[in-house]
Amino acid sequence: MASDDSSKAPQEAAGADTAAATPPARLRLKLYSFWRSSCAQRVRIALNLKGLEYQYKPVNLFAKEQSDPEFEKLNPIKYVPALVDGDTVIADSFAILLYLEDMYPQHPLLPKDPVKRALNIQIASIVGSSIQPLQNYPVTDFIEEKFDSNEAIKWIQHHINRGFTALEKLLKGCSTKYATGNEIQLGDIFLEPQIYAGVKRFGINMSNYPVLARLHETYMEHPAFQAALPEKQPDAPSS
């Protein structure tokens, strides 16, 4: 679970406070995150599932803190999340999740079965490549600048609905508790933050997607997902 480190500068350099001796994982891990980022939410869920304690380092995207030179050292593309594990720095949520899977194998996120493994990666790729990047701030800010905010929300809704339609078809007939089985896996970690954002921020009608809607309700009952919710993060607005 996260420990709040919001009193410190969000752009603290990687390894600046690393002890001479290798500390336990709960002291080594630092997650540079923004409360509303669905990409950071994925990593928060995985850390919670694996029972890993971490320091929460807020990066305020609204204040453009991701452009600070110190944060750029952690992630040259200037996106959250970034994870610091001792002297190791990993950016991009997919890369972070795969790193966590290799380094901290408790609660595996990828099944051994090659077909189910491929399905999890396919789900993650649809969300991570065909939906989320098209609702990201650089894209929507550009659309608002060229047109207006109404056009931006239409753009976002179009691409979320397109992605959700594909996911609903992919998961048609799903009868397991979660998307690819009765244990939470990688696909679930990508699905829920996107569904949550679709519902809470972008007004997506989930009645069109009964499988995704049922999964969303199940995810919302799980403590690891609950603790990772945007509004429960230390940098979330108080109201």
C-alpha atoms as a PDB file:
ATOM      1  CA  MET A   1       0.000   0.000   0.000  1.00  0.00           C
ATOM      2  CA  ALA A   2       1.044   3.587  -0.518  1.00  0.00           C
ATOM      3  CA  SER A   3       2.616   5.872   2.032  1.00  0.00           C
ATOM      4  CA  ASP A   4       2.052   9.552   1.382  1.00  0.00           C
ATOM      5  CA  ASP A   5       5.178  11.488   0.485  1.00  0.00           C
ATOM      6  CA  SER A   6       3.365  14.493  -0.921  1.00  0.00           C
ATOM      7  CA  SER A   7       5.185  16.864   1.422  1.00  0.00           C
ATOM      8  CA  LYS A   8       8.371  16.325  -0.570  1.00  0.00           C
ATOM      9  CA  ALA A   9       9.139  17.670  -4.017  1.00  0.00           C
ATOM     10  CA  PRO A  10       7.469  15.427  -6.602  1.00  0.00           C
ATOM     11  CA  GLN A  11      10.541  15.573  -8.802  1.00  0.00           C
ATOM     12  CA  GLU A  12      12.938  14.057  -6.262  1.00  0.00           C
ATOM     13  CA  ALA A  13      15.747  12.449  -8.239  1.00  0.00           C
ATOM     14  CA  ALA A  14      15.879   8.686  -8.452  1.00  0.00           C
ATOM     15  CA  GLY A  15      18.055   7.141  -5.815  1.00  0.00           C
ATOM     16  CA  ALA A  16      18.639  10.396  -3.934  1.00  0.00           C
ATOM     17  CA  ASP A  17      17.736   8.835  -0.612  1.00  0.00           C
ATOM     18  CA  THR A  18      18.818   5.271  -1.354  1.00  0.00           C
ATOM     19  CA  ALA A  19      20.590   3.820   1.651  1.00  0.00           C
ATOM     20  CA  ALA A  20      24.081   2.352   1.352  1.00  0.00           C
ATOM     21  CA  ALA A  21      22.709  -1.078   2.210  1.00  0.00           C
ATOM     22  CA  THR A  22      19.941  -2.450   0.035  1.00  0.00           C
ATOM     23  CA  PRO A  23      16.690  -1.687   1.885  1.00  0.00           C
ATOM     24  CA  PRO A  24      13.651  -3.956   1.836  1.00  0.00           C
ATOM     25  CA  ALA A  25      11.255  -3.590  -1.082  1.00  0.00           C
ATOM     26  CA  ARG A  26       8.737  -1.647   0.980  1.00  0.00           C
ATOM     27  CA  LEU A  27      11.296   1.126   1.434  1.00  0.00           C
ATOM     28  CA  ARG A  28      12.810   0.872  -2.028  1.00  0.00           C
ATOM     29  CA  LEU A  29       9.732   1.383  -4.146  1.00  0.00           C
ATOM     30  CA  LYS A  30       8.640   4.888  -5.140  1.00  0.00           C
ATOM     31  CA  LEU A  31       5.750   5.482  -7.482  1.00  0.00           C
ATOM     32  CA  TYR A  32       5.577   8.815  -9.284  1.00  0.00           C
ATOM     33  CA  SER A  33       1.882   9.164  -9.887  1.00  0.00           C
ATOM     34  CA  PHE A  34      -1.001  11.525 -10.560  1.00  0.00           C
ATOM     35  CA  TRP A  35      -4.274  10.763  -8.839  1.00  0.00           C
ATOM     36  CA  ARG A  36      -6.404  10.839 -12.009  1.00  0.00           C
ATOM     37  CA  SER A  37      -4.013   9.001 -14.310  1.00  0.00           C
ATOM     38  CA  SER A  38      -5.476   5.670 -15.391  1.00  0.00           C
ATOM     39  CA  CYS A  39      -1.971   4.496 -16.306  1.00  0.00           C
ATOM     40  CA  ALA A  40      -0.765   5.162 -12.777  1.00  0.00           C
ATOM     41  CA  GLN A  41      -3.920   3.524 -11.443  1.00  0.00           C
ATOM     42  CA  ARG A  42      -2.917   0.281 -13.175  1.00  0.00           C
ATOM     43  CA  VAL A  43       0.378   0.229 -11.322  1.00  0.00           C
ATOM     44  CA  ARG A  44      -1.260   1.087  -8.001  1.00  0.00           C
ATOM     45  CA  ILE A  45      -3.582  -1.908  -8.414  1.00  0.00           C
ATOM     46  CA  ALA A  46      -0.678  -4.236  -9.170  1.00  0.00           C
ATOM     47  CA  LEU A  47       1.360  -3.005  -6.212  1.00  0.00           C
ATOM     48  CA  ASN A  48      -1.650  -3.533  -3.956  1.00  0.00           C
ATOM     49  CA  LEU A  49      -2.294  -7.029  -5.317  1.00  0.00           C
ATOM     50  CA  LYS A  50       1.320  -8.025  -4.766  1.00  0.00           C
ATOM     51  CA  GLY A  51       1.281  -6.610  -1.237  1.00  0.00           C
ATOM     52  CA  LEU A  52       4.108  -4.180  -1.962  1.00  0.00           C
ATOM     53  CA  GLU A  53       4.427  -1.022   0.085  1.00  0.00           C
ATOM     54  CA  TYR A  54       5.629   2.047  -1.753  1.00  0.00           C
ATOM     55  CA  GLN A  55       6.152   5.750  -1.376  1.00  0.00           C
ATOM     56  CA  TYR A  56       3.669   7.826  -3.320  1.00  0.00           C
ATOM     57  CA  LYS A  57       5.347  10.694  -5.180  1.00  0.00           C
ATOM     58  CA  PRO A  58       2.700  13.024  -6.626  1.00  0.00           C
ATOM     59  CA  VAL A  59       3.318  14.670  -9.984  1.00  0.00           C
ATOM     60  CA  ASN A  60       0.693  17.317 -10.712  1.00  0.00           C
ATOM     61  CA  LEU A  61      -0.083  17.090 -14.412  1.00  0.00           C
ATOM     62  CA  PHE A  62      -2.373  20.126 -14.210  1.00  0.00           C
ATOM     63  CA  ALA A  63       0.601  22.184 -12.973  1.00  0.00           C
ATOM     64  CA  LYS A  64       2.870  20.692 -15.680  1.00  0.00           C
ATOM     65  CA  GLU A  65       5.190  19.147 -13.085  1.00  0.00           C
ATOM     66  CA  GLN A  66       5.871  16.333 -15.526  1.00  0.00           C
ATOM     67  CA  SER A  67       7.936  18.854 -17.519  1.00  0.00           C
ATOM     68  CA  ASP A  68      10.263  19.566 -14.623  1.00  0.00           C
ATOM     69  CA  PRO A  69      13.849  18.633 -15.614  1.00  0.00           C
ATOM     70  CA  GLU A  70      14.196  16.384 -12.575  1.00  0.00           C
ATOM     71  CA  PHE A  71      11.134  14.344 -13.519  1.00  0.00           C
ATOM     72  CA  GLU A  72      12.298  14.235 -17.130  1.00  0.00           C
ATOM     73  CA  LYS A  73      15.355  12.358 -15.868  1.00  0.00           C
ATOM     74  CA  LEU A  74      12.995   9.645 -14.673  1.00  0.00           C
ATOM     75  CA  ASN A  75      10.850   9.571 -17.798  1.00  0.00           C
ATOM     76  CA  PRO A  76      12.084  11.431 -20.891  1.00  0.00           C
ATOM     77  CA  ILE A  77       8.627  11.286 -22.510  1.00  0.00           C
ATOM     78  CA  LYS A  78       7.309  13.172 -19.441  1.00  0.00           C
ATOM     79  CA  TYR A  79       4.354  10.945 -18.596  1.00  0.00           C
ATOM     80  CA  VAL A  80       3.329   9.249 -15.366  1.00  0.00           C
ATOM     81  CA  PRO A  81       3.770   6.712 -13.934  1.00  0.00           C
ATOM     82  CA  ALA A  82       7.420   6.146 -13.181  1.00  0.00           C
ATOM     83  CA  LEU A  83       8.655   3.585 -10.674  1.00  0.00           C
ATOM     84  CA  VAL A  84      11.915   3.746  -8.768  1.00  0.00           C
ATOM     85  CA  ASP A  85      13.114   0.507  -7.212  1.00  0.00           C
ATOM     86  CA  GLY A  86      16.426   1.204  -5.511  1.00  0.00           C
ATOM     87  CA  ASP A  87      18.747   2.243  -8.338  1.00  0.00           C
ATOM     88  CA  THR A  88      16.362   1.041 -11.043  1.00  0.00           C
ATOM     89  CA  VAL A  89      14.001   3.425 -12.823  1.00  0.00           C
ATOM     90  CA  ILE A  90      11.180   2.175 -15.049  1.00  0.00           C
ATOM     91  CA  ALA A  91       8.661   4.348 -16.843  1.00  0.00           C
ATOM     92  CA  ASP A  92       5.501   3.386 -18.761  1.00  0.00           C
ATOM     93  CA  SER A  93       2.842   1.369 -16.978  1.00  0.00           C
ATOM     94  CA  PHE A  94       3.167  -1.717 -19.197  1.00  0.00           C
ATOM     95  CA  ALA A  95       6.928  -1.859 -18.642  1.00  0.00           C
ATOM     96  CA  ILE A  96       6.454  -1.321 -14.906  1.00  0.00           C
ATOM     97  CA  LEU A  97       3.895  -4.123 -14.648  1.00  0.00           C
ATOM     98  CA  LEU A  98       6.153  -6.569 -16.481  1.00  0.00           C
ATOM     99  CA  TYR A  99       9.058  -5.546 -14.244  1.00  0.00           C
ATOM    100  CA  LEU A 100       6.968  -6.112 -11.127  1.00  0.00           C
ATOM    101  CA  GLU A 101       5.914  -9.491 -12.489  1.00  0.00           C
ATOM    102  CA  ASP A 102       9.542 -10.562 -12.878  1.00  0.00           C
ATOM    103  CA  MET A 103      10.890  -9.055  -9.669  1.00  0.00           C
ATOM    104  CA  TYR A 104       7.958  -9.692  -7.341  1.00  0.00           C
ATOM    105  CA  PRO A 105       6.264 -12.902  -8.540  1.00  0.00           C
ATOM    106  CA  GLN A 106       3.695 -13.104  -5.737  1.00  0.00           C
ATOM    107  CA  HIS A 107       0.162 -12.953  -7.153  1.00  0.00           C
ATOM    108  CA  PRO A 108       1.158 -13.615 -10.791  1.00  0.00           C
ATOM    109  CA  LEU A 109      -0.435 -11.298 -13.323  1.00  0.00           C
ATOM    110  CA  LEU A 110       0.233 -13.465 -16.368  1.00  0.00           C
ATOM    111  CA  PRO A 111      -1.005 -17.077 -16.560  1.00  0.00           C
ATOM    112  CA  LYS A 112       1.299 -19.851 -17.705  1.00  0.00           C
ATOM    113  CA  ASP A 113      -1.194 -21.062 -20.285  1.00  0.00           C
ATOM    114  CA  PRO A 114      -0.018 -19.471 -23.565  1.00  0.00           C
ATOM    115  CA  VAL A 115      -3.537 -18.840 -24.882  1.00  0.00           C
ATOM    116  CA  LYS A 116      -4.731 -17.099 -21.720  1.00  0.00           C
ATOM    117  CA  ARG A 117      -1.430 -15.237 -21.516  1.00  0.00           C
ATOM    118  CA  ALA A 118      -1.902 -13.948 -25.061  1.00  0.00           C
ATOM    119  CA  LEU A 119      -5.499 -12.940 -24.272  1.00  0.00           C
ATOM    120  CA  ASN A 120      -4.343 -10.881 -21.295  1.00  0.00           C
ATOM    121  CA  ILE A 121      -1.743  -9.127 -23.413  1.00  0.00           C
ATOM    122  CA  GLN A 122      -4.302  -8.501 -26.157  1.00  0.00           C
ATOM    123  CA  ILE A 123      -6.694  -6.872 -23.668  1.00  0.00           C
ATOM    124  CA  ALA A 124      -3.874  -4.759 -22.266  1.00  0.00           C
ATOM    125  CA  SER A 125      -2.817  -3.725 -25.761  1.00  0.00           C
ATOM    126  CA  ILE A 126      -6.318  -2.659 -26.796  1.00  0.00           C
ATOM    127  CA  VAL A 127      -6.609  -0.429 -23.747  1.00  0.00           C
ATOM    128  CA  GLY A 128      -3.023   0.767 -23.767  1.00  0.00           C
ATOM    129  CA  SER A 129      -2.697   1.365 -27.511  1.00  0.00           C
ATOM    130  CA  SER A 130      -6.171   1.928 -28.957  1.00  0.00           C
ATOM    131  CA  ILE A 131      -8.078   3.717 -26.183  1.00  0.00           C
ATOM    132  CA  GLN A 132      -6.112   5.473 -23.454  1.00  0.00           C
ATOM    133  CA  PRO A 133      -3.554   7.353 -25.593  1.00  0.00           C
ATOM    134  CA  LEU A 134      -6.412   8.925 -27.563  1.00  0.00           C
ATOM    135  CA  GLN A 135      -7.906  10.466 -24.413  1.00  0.00           C
ATOM    136  CA  ASN A 136      -4.574  11.690 -23.051  1.00  0.00           C
ATOM    137  CA  TYR A 137      -4.025  15.369 -22.258  1.00  0.00           C
ATOM    138  CA  PRO A 138      -1.684  16.210 -25.177  1.00  0.00           C
ATOM    139  CA  VAL A 139      -4.283  14.892 -27.644  1.00  0.00           C
ATOM    140  CA  THR A 140      -7.351  16.455 -26.043  1.00  0.00           C
ATOM    141  CA  ASP A 141      -5.560  19.751 -25.391  1.00  0.00           C
ATOM    142  CA  PHE A 142      -4.675  19.921 -29.087  1.00  0.00           C
ATOM    143  CA  ILE A 143      -8.285  19.243 -30.119  1.00  0.00           C
ATOM    144  CA  GLU A 144      -9.617  21.856 -27.700  1.00  0.00           C
ATOM    145  CA  GLU A 145      -7.109  24.380 -29.029  1.00  0.00           C
ATOM    146  CA  LYS A 146      -8.073  23.728 -32.641  1.00  0.00           C
ATOM    147  CA  PHE A 147     -11.803  23.311 -32.040  1.00  0.00           C
ATOM    148  CA  ASP A 148     -13.427  23.306 -28.579  1.00  0.00           C
ATOM    149  CA  SER A 149     -14.058  21.143 -25.506  1.00  0.00           C
ATOM    150  CA  ASN A 150     -17.245  19.671 -27.010  1.00  0.00           C
ATOM    151  CA  GLU A 151     -15.257  18.280 -29.919  1.00  0.00           C
ATOM    152  CA  ALA A 152     -12.689  16.877 -27.501  1.00  0.00           C
ATOM    153  CA  ILE A 153     -15.276  14.937 -25.494  1.00  0.00           C
ATOM    154  CA  LYS A 154     -16.858  13.615 -28.717  1.00  0.00           C
ATOM    155  CA  TRP A 155     -13.416  12.416 -29.806  1.00  0.00           C
ATOM    156  CA  ILE A 156     -12.816  10.692 -26.476  1.00  0.00           C
ATOM    157  CA  GLN A 157     -16.234   9.037 -26.373  1.00  0.00           C
ATOM    158  CA  HIS A 158     -15.838   7.797 -29.953  1.00  0.00           C
ATOM    159  CA  HIS A 159     -12.545   6.066 -29.247  1.00  0.00           C
ATOM    160  CA  ILE A 160     -13.620   4.637 -25.881  1.00  0.00           C
ATOM    161  CA  ASN A 161     -16.798   3.220 -27.422  1.00  0.00           C
ATOM    162  CA  ARG A 162     -14.801   1.790 -30.312  1.00  0.00           C
ATOM    163  CA  GLY A 163     -12.405   0.094 -27.910  1.00  0.00           C
ATOM    164  CA  PHE A 164     -15.133  -1.113 -25.569  1.00  0.00           C
ATOM    165  CA  THR A 165     -17.022  -2.627 -28.518  1.00  0.00           C
ATOM    166  CA  ALA A 166     -13.917  -4.618 -29.428  1.00  0.00           C
ATOM    167  CA  LEU A 167     -13.328  -5.713 -25.842  1.00  0.00           C
ATOM    168  CA  GLU A 168     -16.953  -6.738 -25.402  1.00  0.00           C
ATOM    169  CA  LYS A 169     -16.686  -8.937 -28.502  1.00  0.00           C
ATOM    170  CA  LEU A 170     -13.383 -10.355 -27.342  1.00  0.00           C
ATOM    171  CA  LEU A 171     -14.840 -11.293 -23.955  1.00  0.00           C
ATOM    172  CA  LYS A 172     -18.214 -12.490 -25.244  1.00  0.00           C
ATOM    173  CA  GLY A 173     -19.421 -15.459 -23.213  1.00  0.00           C
ATOM    174  CA  CYS A 174     -17.053 -14.713 -20.326  1.00  0.00           C
ATOM    175  CA  SER A 175     -18.447 -16.609 -17.324  1.00  0.00           C
ATOM    176  CA  THR A 176     -15.461 -16.415 -14.988  1.00  0.00           C
ATOM    177  CA  LYS A 177     -15.244 -13.994 -12.089  1.00  0.00           C
ATOM    178  CA  TYR A 178     -12.678 -11.846 -13.863  1.00  0.00           C
ATOM    179  CA  ALA A 179     -11.908 -11.243 -17.521  1.00  0.00           C
ATOM    180  CA  THR A 180      -9.719 -14.292 -18.181  1.00  0.00           C
ATOM    181  CA  GLY A 181     -10.279 -16.503 -15.156  1.00  0.00           C
ATOM    182  CA  ASN A 182     -11.124 -16.545 -11.478  1.00  0.00           C
ATOM    183  CA  GLU A 183      -7.944 -14.711 -10.485  1.00  0.00           C
ATOM    184  CA  ILE A 184      -7.106 -11.083 -11.234  1.00  0.00           C
ATOM    185  CA  GLN A 185      -4.613 -10.880 -14.063  1.00  0.00           C
ATOM    186  CA  LEU A 186      -2.996  -8.322 -16.340  1.00  0.00           C
ATOM    187  CA  GLY A 187      -6.056  -7.790 -18.499  1.00  0.00           C
ATOM    188  CA  ASP A 188      -8.136  -6.848 -15.463  1.00  0.00           C
ATOM    189  CA  ILE A 189      -5.545  -4.316 -14.338  1.00  0.00           C
ATOM    190  CA  PHE A 190      -5.829  -2.553 -17.695  1.00  0.00           C
ATOM    191  CA  LEU A 191      -9.595  -2.869 -17.975  1.00  0.00           C
ATOM    192  CA  GLU A 192     -10.792  -1.374 -14.714  1.00  0.00           C
ATOM    193  CA  PRO A 193      -9.033   2.026 -14.799  1.00  0.00           C
ATOM    194  CA  GLN A 194     -10.294   2.520 -18.340  1.00  0.00           C
ATOM    195  CA  ILE A 195     -13.855   1.510 -17.482  1.00  0.00           C
ATOM    196  CA  TYR A 196     -13.759   3.702 -14.380  1.00  0.00           C
ATOM    197  CA  ALA A 197     -12.596   6.710 -16.391  1.00  0.00           C
ATOM    198  CA  GLY A 198     -15.186   6.009 -19.058  1.00  0.00           C
ATOM    199  CA  VAL A 199     -17.979   6.027 -16.500  1.00  0.00           C
ATOM    200  CA  LYS A 200     -16.814   8.757 -14.136  1.00  0.00           C
ATOM    201  CA  ARG A 201     -15.173  11.232 -16.500  1.00  0.00           C
ATOM    202  CA  PHE A 202     -16.516  10.675 -19.976  1.00  0.00           C
ATOM    203  CA  GLY A 203     -20.156   9.609 -19.593  1.00  0.00           C
ATOM    204  CA  ILE A 204     -19.911   6.235 -21.308  1.00  0.00           C
ATOM    205  CA  ASN A 205     -23.152   4.232 -21.265  1.00  0.00           C
ATOM    206  CA  MET A 206     -22.088   0.845 -19.927  1.00  0.00           C
ATOM    207  CA  SER A 207     -25.464  -0.763 -20.706  1.00  0.00           C
ATOM    208  CA  ASN A 208     -24.026  -1.267 -24.186  1.00  0.00           C
ATOM    209  CA  TYR A 209     -21.281  -3.425 -22.684  1.00  0.00           C
ATOM    210  CA  PRO A 210     -22.810  -5.966 -20.282  1.00  0.00           C
ATOM    211  CA  VAL A 211     -19.643  -8.050 -19.833  1.00  0.00           C
ATOM    212  CA  LEU A 212     -17.507  -4.998 -19.070  1.00  0.00           C
ATOM    213  CA  ALA A 213     -20.215  -3.605 -16.776  1.00  0.00           C
ATOM    214  CA  ARG A 214     -20.358  -6.863 -14.815  1.00  0.00           C
ATOM    215  CA  LEU A 215     -16.565  -6.946 -14.494  1.00  0.00           C
ATOM    216  CA  HIS A 216     -16.548  -3.320 -13.341  1.00  0.00           C
ATOM    217  CA  GLU A 217     -18.921  -4.143 -10.488  1.00  0.00           C
ATOM    218  CA  THR A 218     -16.717  -7.067  -9.464  1.00  0.00           C
ATOM    219  CA  TYR A 219     -13.526  -5.003  -9.536  1.00  0.00           C
ATOM    220  CA  MET A 220     -15.111  -2.321  -7.380  1.00  0.00           C
ATOM    221  CA  GLU A 221     -15.618  -4.877  -4.605  1.00  0.00           C
ATOM    222  CA  HIS A 222     -11.926  -5.819  -4.407  1.00  0.00           C
ATOM    223  CA  PRO A 223      -9.726  -4.027  -1.817  1.00  0.00           C
ATOM    224  CA  ALA A 224      -6.742  -3.738  -4.185  1.00  0.00           C
ATOM    225  CA  PHE A 225      -8.884  -1.893  -6.718  1.00  0.00           C
ATOM    226  CA  GLN A 226     -10.631   0.185  -4.077  1.00  0.00           C
ATOM    227  CA  ALA A 227      -7.353   1.432  -2.594  1.00  0.00           C
ATOM    228  CA  ALA A 228      -6.130   2.425  -6.067  1.00  0.00           C
ATOM    229  CA  LEU A 229      -9.153   4.583  -6.903  1.00  0.00           C
ATOM    230  CA  PRO A 230      -8.272   8.111  -8.045  1.00  0.00           C
ATOM    231  CA  GLU A 231     -10.218   9.868  -5.307  1.00  0.00           C
ATOM    232  CA  LYS A 232      -8.417   7.883  -2.605  1.00  0.00           C
ATOM    233  CA  GLN A 233      -4.944   9.079  -3.576  1.00  0.00           C
ATOM    234  CA  PRO A 234      -3.117  11.591  -1.361  1.00  0.00           C
ATOM    235  CA  ASP A 235      -2.925  14.196  -4.142  1.00  0.00           C
ATOM    236  CA  ALA A 236      -6.623  13.972  -5.043  1.00  0.00           C
ATOM    237  CA  PRO A 237      -8.684  17.119  -4.442  1.00  0.00           C
ATOM    238  CA  SER A 238     -10.476  17.116  -1.123  1.00  0.00           C
ATOM    239  CA  SER A 239     -13.829  17.866  -2.706  1.00  0.00           C
END
